Amino acid sequence: MLHIRRSADRGYADHGWLKSFHSFSFAGYHDPKWMGWGNLRVINEDRIAPGTGFGTHGHRDMEIVSYVMSGELAHDDSMGNGTSIPPGDVQRMSAGRGVRHSEFNHAPDATTHFFQIWIEPSETGIDPGYEQKTFADEAKRGRLRLVASPDGADGSVTIHADARLYATLLSGTETASLALSPERKAWVQVLRGSLSVNGQPLQQGDAAMLADETLLQLTDGTDAEALVFDLAP
């Protein structure tokens, strides 16, 4: 089964300083048909205006991944981390039994565009944690580069969840594929450009959700960047 979630069908919120598309129910957007996919709970495409951001707030028992497209994201948290997340970096924050943090765009004249991802953890009440790594474009070009996994395989960030997250860049004749277990679920999020998922064309902001499939094939990329999730059912 393959179902397309079109960009225009996502939830949307315009707070002035923040413009956000929600793939799943989040904050003021609620649709009981879109509460998550497997253990993937949130994919928000956020654009933060210059000089603004999310003030200090708390989370618990969630694996939170940030993937920056343009601009930079300044992160501070109650664990003592104070970093800047540029494009190419993947940030993982394990909220565990509780963490407080803020995310800001300190640039005076540039918008920060990033994807915020929440994945339900395999175990609750763990110690909160933080990790950030850089993944060069060359490592994602024409292939699926593992960027987050339960065991930190291939230099990926370690998430405390039954999920693997891949990033890819595709153009022209480049292709990428992933063997799937039919007992699991998969999600493909097109971050920019366009590509086809198992022959189905997707544009920027579109997503494909897969279940009971054994193979995922990405083709026909035009300046495409995408994230691929292999998820617990």
C-alpha atoms as a PDB file:
ATOM      1  CA  MET A   1       0.000   0.000   0.000  1.00  0.00           C
ATOM      2  CA  LEU A   2       1.282   3.453  -0.943  1.00  0.00           C
ATOM      3  CA  HIS A   3      -0.657   6.614  -0.089  1.00  0.00           C
ATOM      4  CA  ILE A   4       0.334  10.171  -1.008  1.00  0.00           C
ATOM      5  CA  ARG A   5       0.036  13.014   1.507  1.00  0.00           C
ATOM      6  CA  ARG A   6       0.039  16.176  -0.618  1.00  0.00           C
ATOM      7  CA  SER A   7       1.731  19.315   0.651  1.00  0.00           C
ATOM      8  CA  ALA A   8      -1.430  21.414   0.293  1.00  0.00           C
ATOM      9  CA  ASP A   9      -3.388  18.982   2.486  1.00  0.00           C
ATOM     10  CA  ARG A  10      -1.129  19.465   5.507  1.00  0.00           C
ATOM     11  CA  GLY A  11      -2.153  21.578   8.464  1.00  0.00           C
ATOM     12  CA  TYR A  12      -0.840  25.142   8.407  1.00  0.00           C
ATOM     13  CA  ALA A  13      -0.263  27.819  11.043  1.00  0.00           C
ATOM     14  CA  ASP A  14       0.918  31.404  10.509  1.00  0.00           C
ATOM     15  CA  HIS A  15       2.010  33.039  13.761  1.00  0.00           C
ATOM     16  CA  GLY A  16       3.761  35.939  12.043  1.00  0.00           C
ATOM     17  CA  TRP A  17       7.209  35.058  13.342  1.00  0.00           C
ATOM     18  CA  LEU A  18       6.632  31.358  12.555  1.00  0.00           C
ATOM     19  CA  LYS A  19       5.061  29.739   9.524  1.00  0.00           C
ATOM     20  CA  SER A  20       4.575  26.003   9.974  1.00  0.00           C
ATOM     21  CA  PHE A  21       3.170  23.104   7.949  1.00  0.00           C
ATOM     22  CA  HIS A  22       2.046  20.064   9.981  1.00  0.00           C
ATOM     23  CA  SER A  23       2.010  16.589   8.408  1.00  0.00           C
ATOM     24  CA  PHE A  24       0.252  15.283  11.533  1.00  0.00           C
ATOM     25  CA  SER A  25      -2.026  16.772  14.180  1.00  0.00           C
ATOM     26  CA  PHE A  26      -0.083  19.335  16.192  1.00  0.00           C
ATOM     27  CA  ALA A  27      -0.993  22.275  18.454  1.00  0.00           C
ATOM     28  CA  GLY A  28      -4.039  24.021  16.943  1.00  0.00           C
ATOM     29  CA  TYR A  29      -4.267  21.652  13.990  1.00  0.00           C
ATOM     30  CA  HIS A  30      -6.161  18.467  14.762  1.00  0.00           C
ATOM     31  CA  ASP A  31      -7.310  15.785  12.343  1.00  0.00           C
ATOM     32  CA  PRO A  32      -8.059  12.354  13.843  1.00  0.00           C
ATOM     33  CA  LYS A  33      -7.075  10.746  10.508  1.00  0.00           C
ATOM     34  CA  TRP A  34      -3.572  12.205  10.811  1.00  0.00           C
ATOM     35  CA  MET A  35      -2.207  11.428  14.269  1.00  0.00           C
ATOM     36  CA  GLY A  36       1.059   9.860  13.088  1.00  0.00           C
ATOM     37  CA  TRP A  37       2.389   6.957  11.047  1.00  0.00           C
ATOM     38  CA  GLY A  38       3.813   4.031  12.986  1.00  0.00           C
ATOM     39  CA  ASN A  39       5.908   5.590  15.755  1.00  0.00           C
ATOM     40  CA  LEU A  40       6.443   8.791  13.738  1.00  0.00           C
ATOM     41  CA  ARG A  41       4.388  11.422  15.537  1.00  0.00           C
ATOM     42  CA  VAL A  42       5.402  14.863  14.173  1.00  0.00           C
ATOM     43  CA  ILE A  43       6.859  16.303  10.977  1.00  0.00           C
ATOM     44  CA  ASN A  44       6.653  20.087  11.040  1.00  0.00           C
ATOM     45  CA  GLU A  45       8.144  22.204   8.260  1.00  0.00           C
ATOM     46  CA  ASP A  46       8.991  25.456  10.051  1.00  0.00           C
ATOM     47  CA  ARG A  47      10.167  28.855   8.847  1.00  0.00           C
ATOM     48  CA  ILE A  48      11.365  31.167  11.626  1.00  0.00           C
ATOM     49  CA  ALA A  49      11.568  34.890  10.896  1.00  0.00           C
ATOM     50  CA  PRO A  50      14.840  36.765  11.579  1.00  0.00           C
ATOM     51  CA  GLY A  51      15.482  37.598  15.211  1.00  0.00           C
ATOM     52  CA  THR A  52      12.728  35.339  16.564  1.00  0.00           C
ATOM     53  CA  GLY A  53      12.272  31.785  17.790  1.00  0.00           C
ATOM     54  CA  PHE A  54      10.801  29.325  20.262  1.00  0.00           C
ATOM     55  CA  GLY A  55      11.242  30.486  23.853  1.00  0.00           C
ATOM     56  CA  THR A  56      12.254  28.075  26.597  1.00  0.00           C
ATOM     57  CA  HIS A  57       9.725  25.263  26.929  1.00  0.00           C
ATOM     58  CA  GLY A  58       9.650  21.650  28.067  1.00  0.00           C
ATOM     59  CA  HIS A  59       9.297  18.174  26.566  1.00  0.00           C
ATOM     60  CA  ARG A  60       9.395  14.645  27.900  1.00  0.00           C
ATOM     61  CA  ASP A  61       9.484  11.098  26.518  1.00  0.00           C
ATOM     62  CA  MET A  62      10.041  11.969  22.865  1.00  0.00           C
ATOM     63  CA  GLU A  63      12.942  11.645  20.412  1.00  0.00           C
ATOM     64  CA  ILE A  64      13.216  15.004  18.623  1.00  0.00           C
ATOM     65  CA  VAL A  65      15.252  15.397  15.426  1.00  0.00           C
ATOM     66  CA  SER A  66      15.941  18.701  13.667  1.00  0.00           C
ATOM     67  CA  TYR A  67      17.042  18.935  10.021  1.00  0.00           C
ATOM     68  CA  VAL A  68      17.957  22.429   8.794  1.00  0.00           C
ATOM     69  CA  MET A  69      17.422  23.394   5.156  1.00  0.00           C
ATOM     70  CA  SER A  70      18.621  27.024   5.207  1.00  0.00           C
ATOM     71  CA  GLY A  71      19.702  29.583   7.746  1.00  0.00           C
ATOM     72  CA  GLU A  72      20.864  28.439  11.185  1.00  0.00           C
ATOM     73  CA  LEU A  73      19.077  27.300  14.330  1.00  0.00           C
ATOM     74  CA  ALA A  74      20.500  28.318  17.698  1.00  0.00           C
ATOM     75  CA  HIS A  75      19.812  25.700  20.383  1.00  0.00           C
ATOM     76  CA  ASP A  76      20.071  25.993  24.180  1.00  0.00           C
ATOM     77  CA  ASP A  77      18.840  23.470  26.729  1.00  0.00           C
ATOM     78  CA  SER A  78      18.727  22.572  30.405  1.00  0.00           C
ATOM     79  CA  MET A  79      21.462  19.949  29.856  1.00  0.00           C
ATOM     80  CA  GLY A  80      23.963  22.757  29.228  1.00  0.00           C
ATOM     81  CA  ASN A  81      24.110  22.506  25.445  1.00  0.00           C
ATOM     82  CA  GLY A  82      24.399  25.740  23.488  1.00  0.00           C
ATOM     83  CA  THR A  83      25.004  25.170  19.792  1.00  0.00           C
ATOM     84  CA  SER A  84      24.153  26.401  16.313  1.00  0.00           C
ATOM     85  CA  ILE A  85      22.681  23.963  13.795  1.00  0.00           C
ATOM     86  CA  PRO A  86      23.538  24.757  10.148  1.00  0.00           C
ATOM     87  CA  PRO A  87      22.303  23.023   6.988  1.00  0.00           C
ATOM     88  CA  GLY A  88      23.874  19.572   6.733  1.00  0.00           C
ATOM     89  CA  ASP A  89      23.726  18.933  10.472  1.00  0.00           C
ATOM     90  CA  VAL A  90      21.284  16.572  12.165  1.00  0.00           C
ATOM     91  CA  GLN A  91      20.381  17.277  15.783  1.00  0.00           C
ATOM     92  CA  ARG A  92      18.918  14.662  18.121  1.00  0.00           C
ATOM     93  CA  MET A  93      17.468  15.574  21.485  1.00  0.00           C
ATOM     94  CA  SER A  94      16.107  12.819  23.713  1.00  0.00           C
ATOM     95  CA  ALA A  95      13.598  14.471  26.020  1.00  0.00           C
ATOM     96  CA  GLY A  96      13.464  11.453  28.330  1.00  0.00           C
ATOM     97  CA  ARG A  97      12.158  12.194  31.801  1.00  0.00           C
ATOM     98  CA  GLY A  98      12.189  15.925  31.039  1.00  0.00           C
ATOM     99  CA  VAL A  99      14.202  18.660  29.308  1.00  0.00           C
ATOM    100  CA  ARG A 100      13.751  22.376  28.657  1.00  0.00           C
ATOM    101  CA  HIS A 101      15.120  24.085  25.572  1.00  0.00           C
ATOM    102  CA  SER A 102      14.837  27.035  23.187  1.00  0.00           C
ATOM    103  CA  GLU A 103      15.396  27.336  19.429  1.00  0.00           C
ATOM    104  CA  PHE A 104      16.131  30.734  17.844  1.00  0.00           C
ATOM    105  CA  ASN A 105      17.039  32.364  14.564  1.00  0.00           C
ATOM    106  CA  HIS A 106      19.479  35.111  15.539  1.00  0.00           C
ATOM    107  CA  ALA A 107      20.166  36.236  11.962  1.00  0.00           C
ATOM    108  CA  PRO A 108      19.057  39.843  11.330  1.00  0.00           C
ATOM    109  CA  ASP A 109      17.938  39.299   7.742  1.00  0.00           C
ATOM    110  CA  ALA A 110      17.597  35.559   6.951  1.00  0.00           C
ATOM    111  CA  THR A 111      14.779  33.087   7.597  1.00  0.00           C
ATOM    112  CA  THR A 112      15.618  29.728   9.174  1.00  0.00           C
ATOM    113  CA  HIS A 113      13.891  26.874   7.333  1.00  0.00           C
ATOM    114  CA  PHE A 114      13.978  23.499   9.065  1.00  0.00           C
ATOM    115  CA  PHE A 115      12.069  20.278   9.690  1.00  0.00           C
ATOM    116  CA  GLN A 116      11.193  19.280  13.245  1.00  0.00           C
ATOM    117  CA  ILE A 117      10.564  15.552  13.715  1.00  0.00           C
ATOM    118  CA  TRP A 118       9.209  13.689  16.745  1.00  0.00           C
ATOM    119  CA  ILE A 119       9.465   9.911  17.093  1.00  0.00           C
ATOM    120  CA  GLU A 120       7.962   7.988  19.990  1.00  0.00           C
ATOM    121  CA  PRO A 121      10.706   6.355  22.093  1.00  0.00           C
ATOM    122  CA  SER A 122      11.075   2.647  22.748  1.00  0.00           C
ATOM    123  CA  GLU A 123      11.458   3.347  26.477  1.00  0.00           C
ATOM    124  CA  THR A 124      10.133   6.197  28.599  1.00  0.00           C
ATOM    125  CA  GLY A 125      11.739   7.913  31.578  1.00  0.00           C
ATOM    126  CA  ILE A 126      15.320   7.689  30.283  1.00  0.00           C
ATOM    127  CA  ASP A 127      18.009  10.301  30.949  1.00  0.00           C
ATOM    128  CA  PRO A 128      17.680  13.244  28.547  1.00  0.00           C
ATOM    129  CA  GLY A 129      20.434  13.472  25.928  1.00  0.00           C
ATOM    130  CA  TYR A 130      21.743  15.497  23.008  1.00  0.00           C
ATOM    131  CA  GLU A 131      23.734  14.742  19.868  1.00  0.00           C
ATOM    132  CA  GLN A 132      24.594  16.677  16.702  1.00  0.00           C
ATOM    133  CA  LYS A 133      26.481  15.489  13.607  1.00  0.00           C
ATOM    134  CA  THR A 134      27.319  16.804  10.137  1.00  0.00           C
ATOM    135  CA  PHE A 135      26.422  14.855   6.984  1.00  0.00           C
ATOM    136  CA  ALA A 136      28.026  16.233   3.831  1.00  0.00           C
ATOM    137  CA  ASP A 137      26.030  16.527   0.614  1.00  0.00           C
ATOM    138  CA  GLU A 138      28.472  14.150  -1.081  1.00  0.00           C
ATOM    139  CA  ALA A 139      27.458  11.395   1.344  1.00  0.00           C
ATOM    140  CA  LYS A 140      23.775  11.827   0.428  1.00  0.00           C
ATOM    141  CA  ARG A 141      24.168  12.249  -3.332  1.00  0.00           C
ATOM    142  CA  GLY A 142      22.504   9.427  -5.281  1.00  0.00           C
ATOM    143  CA  ARG A 143      22.104   7.212  -2.216  1.00  0.00           C
ATOM    144  CA  LEU A 144      20.296   6.872   1.094  1.00  0.00           C
ATOM    145  CA  ARG A 145      22.589   8.087   3.868  1.00  0.00           C
ATOM    146  CA  LEU A 146      21.655   6.786   7.323  1.00  0.00           C
ATOM    147  CA  VAL A 147      21.525   9.819   9.622  1.00  0.00           C
ATOM    148  CA  ALA A 148      19.645   8.470  12.687  1.00  0.00           C
ATOM    149  CA  SER A 149      19.277   4.942  14.052  1.00  0.00           C
ATOM    150  CA  PRO A 150      18.813   3.021  17.331  1.00  0.00           C
ATOM    151  CA  ASP A 151      22.432   1.822  17.319  1.00  0.00           C
ATOM    152  CA  GLY A 152      24.291   4.808  15.838  1.00  0.00           C
ATOM    153  CA  ALA A 153      25.267   2.690  12.818  1.00  0.00           C
ATOM    154  CA  ASP A 154      27.489   4.230  10.112  1.00  0.00           C
ATOM    155  CA  GLY A 155      28.120   7.310  12.211  1.00  0.00           C
ATOM    156  CA  SER A 156      24.445   8.246  12.481  1.00  0.00           C
ATOM    157  CA  VAL A 157      23.020   9.980  15.543  1.00  0.00           C
ATOM    158  CA  THR A 158      21.558   7.557  18.075  1.00  0.00           C
ATOM    159  CA  ILE A 159      17.829   7.744  18.718  1.00  0.00           C
ATOM    160  CA  HIS A 160      16.107   5.755  21.470  1.00  0.00           C
ATOM    161  CA  ALA A 161      13.366   4.578  19.119  1.00  0.00           C
ATOM    162  CA  ASP A 162      12.688   1.707  16.716  1.00  0.00           C
ATOM    163  CA  ALA A 163      13.255   3.804  13.599  1.00  0.00           C
ATOM    164  CA  ARG A 164      15.900   4.526  11.009  1.00  0.00           C
ATOM    165  CA  LEU A 165      16.112   7.846   9.199  1.00  0.00           C
ATOM    166  CA  TYR A 166      17.866   8.317   5.857  1.00  0.00           C
ATOM    167  CA  ALA A 167      18.618  11.471   3.840  1.00  0.00           C
ATOM    168  CA  THR A 168      19.147  11.644   0.091  1.00  0.00           C
ATOM    169  CA  LEU A 169      19.874  14.060  -2.754  1.00  0.00           C
ATOM    170  CA  LEU A 170      18.695  12.952  -6.200  1.00  0.00           C
ATOM    171  CA  SER A 171      18.846  14.461  -9.680  1.00  0.00           C
ATOM    172  CA  GLY A 172      18.720  13.167 -13.240  1.00  0.00           C
ATOM    173  CA  THR A 173      19.364   9.446 -13.559  1.00  0.00           C
ATOM    174  CA  GLU A 174      20.346   8.974  -9.908  1.00  0.00           C
ATOM    175  CA  THR A 175      18.268   6.410  -8.013  1.00  0.00           C
ATOM    176  CA  ALA A 176      18.110   5.089  -4.461  1.00  0.00           C
ATOM    177  CA  SER A 177      16.347   2.071  -3.007  1.00  0.00           C
ATOM    178  CA  LEU A 178      15.665   0.502   0.356  1.00  0.00           C
ATOM    179  CA  ALA A 179      14.501  -3.022   1.163  1.00  0.00           C
ATOM    180  CA  LEU A 180      11.479  -2.918   3.469  1.00  0.00           C
ATOM    181  CA  SER A 181       9.971  -5.432   5.832  1.00  0.00           C
ATOM    182  CA  PRO A 182       6.236  -5.750   5.082  1.00  0.00           C
ATOM    183  CA  GLU A 183       5.619  -5.822   8.833  1.00  0.00           C
ATOM    184  CA  ARG A 184       6.998  -2.276   9.167  1.00  0.00           C
ATOM    185  CA  LYS A 185       5.991   1.122   7.822  1.00  0.00           C
ATOM    186  CA  ALA A 186       7.870   3.721   5.810  1.00  0.00           C
ATOM    187  CA  TRP A 187       7.451   7.435   5.194  1.00  0.00           C
ATOM    188  CA  VAL A 188       9.127   9.553   2.498  1.00  0.00           C
ATOM    189  CA  GLN A 189       9.138  13.346   2.947  1.00  0.00           C
ATOM    190  CA  VAL A 190      10.190  15.498  -0.013  1.00  0.00           C
ATOM    191  CA  LEU A 191      12.060  18.485   1.396  1.00  0.00           C
ATOM    192  CA  ARG A 192      12.730  20.240  -1.913  1.00  0.00           C
ATOM    193  CA  GLY A 193      12.575  19.537  -5.632  1.00  0.00           C
ATOM    194  CA  SER A 194      10.660  16.557  -6.957  1.00  0.00           C
ATOM    195  CA  LEU A 195      11.053  12.792  -7.304  1.00  0.00           C
ATOM    196  CA  SER A 196       9.058   9.589  -7.742  1.00  0.00           C
ATOM    197  CA  VAL A 197       8.390   7.007  -5.028  1.00  0.00           C
ATOM    198  CA  ASN A 198       7.729   3.558  -6.513  1.00  0.00           C
ATOM    199  CA  GLY A 199       6.666   5.311  -9.704  1.00  0.00           C
ATOM    200  CA  GLN A 200       4.405   7.892  -8.015  1.00  0.00           C
ATOM    201  CA  PRO A 201       5.517  11.517  -8.628  1.00  0.00           C
ATOM    202  CA  LEU A 202       5.926  13.800  -5.611  1.00  0.00           C
ATOM    203  CA  GLN A 203       6.662  17.510  -5.380  1.00  0.00           C
ATOM    204  CA  GLN A 204       8.235  19.622  -2.640  1.00  0.00           C
ATOM    205  CA  GLY A 205       6.286  19.193   0.606  1.00  0.00           C
ATOM    206  CA  ASP A 206       4.564  15.983  -0.519  1.00  0.00           C
ATOM    207  CA  ALA A 207       5.006  12.709   1.346  1.00  0.00           C
ATOM    208  CA  ALA A 208       4.447   9.017   0.667  1.00  0.00           C
ATOM    209  CA  MET A 209       3.358   6.553   3.347  1.00  0.00           C
ATOM    210  CA  LEU A 210       4.013   2.863   2.746  1.00  0.00           C
ATOM    211  CA  ALA A 211       2.844  -0.330   4.452  1.00  0.00           C
ATOM    212  CA  ASP A 212       2.938  -4.006   3.409  1.00  0.00           C
ATOM    213  CA  GLU A 213       5.692  -3.192   0.892  1.00  0.00           C
ATOM    214  CA  THR A 214       9.038  -4.929   0.390  1.00  0.00           C
ATOM    215  CA  LEU A 215      10.900  -2.304  -1.637  1.00  0.00           C
ATOM    216  CA  LEU A 216      11.133   1.474  -1.746  1.00  0.00           C
ATOM    217  CA  GLN A 217      12.525   3.005  -4.952  1.00  0.00           C
ATOM    218  CA  LEU A 218      13.301   6.682  -5.466  1.00  0.00           C
ATOM    219  CA  THR A 219      13.728   7.848  -9.079  1.00  0.00           C
ATOM    220  CA  ASP A 220      13.199  10.829 -11.407  1.00  0.00           C
ATOM    221  CA  GLY A 221      14.786  13.335  -9.058  1.00  0.00           C
ATOM    222  CA  THR A 222      14.932  16.997 -10.016  1.00  0.00           C
ATOM    223  CA  ASP A 223      17.084  18.898  -7.501  1.00  0.00           C
ATOM    224  CA  ALA A 224      15.445  16.659  -4.890  1.00  0.00           C
ATOM    225  CA  GLU A 225      16.245  16.347  -1.213  1.00  0.00           C
ATOM    226  CA  ALA A 226      14.221  13.859   0.838  1.00  0.00           C
ATOM    227  CA  LEU A 227      14.041  12.057   4.156  1.00  0.00           C
ATOM    228  CA  VAL A 228      13.107   8.367   4.326  1.00  0.00           C
ATOM    229  CA  PHE A 229      11.842   6.771   7.555  1.00  0.00           C
ATOM    230  CA  ASP A 230      11.842   3.011   8.283  1.00  0.00           C
ATOM    231  CA  LEU A 231       9.420   2.756  11.187  1.00  0.00           C
ATOM    232  CA  ALA A 232       7.981   0.400  13.760  1.00  0.00           C
ATOM    233  CA  PRO A 233       4.351  -0.457  12.934  1.00  0.00           C
END
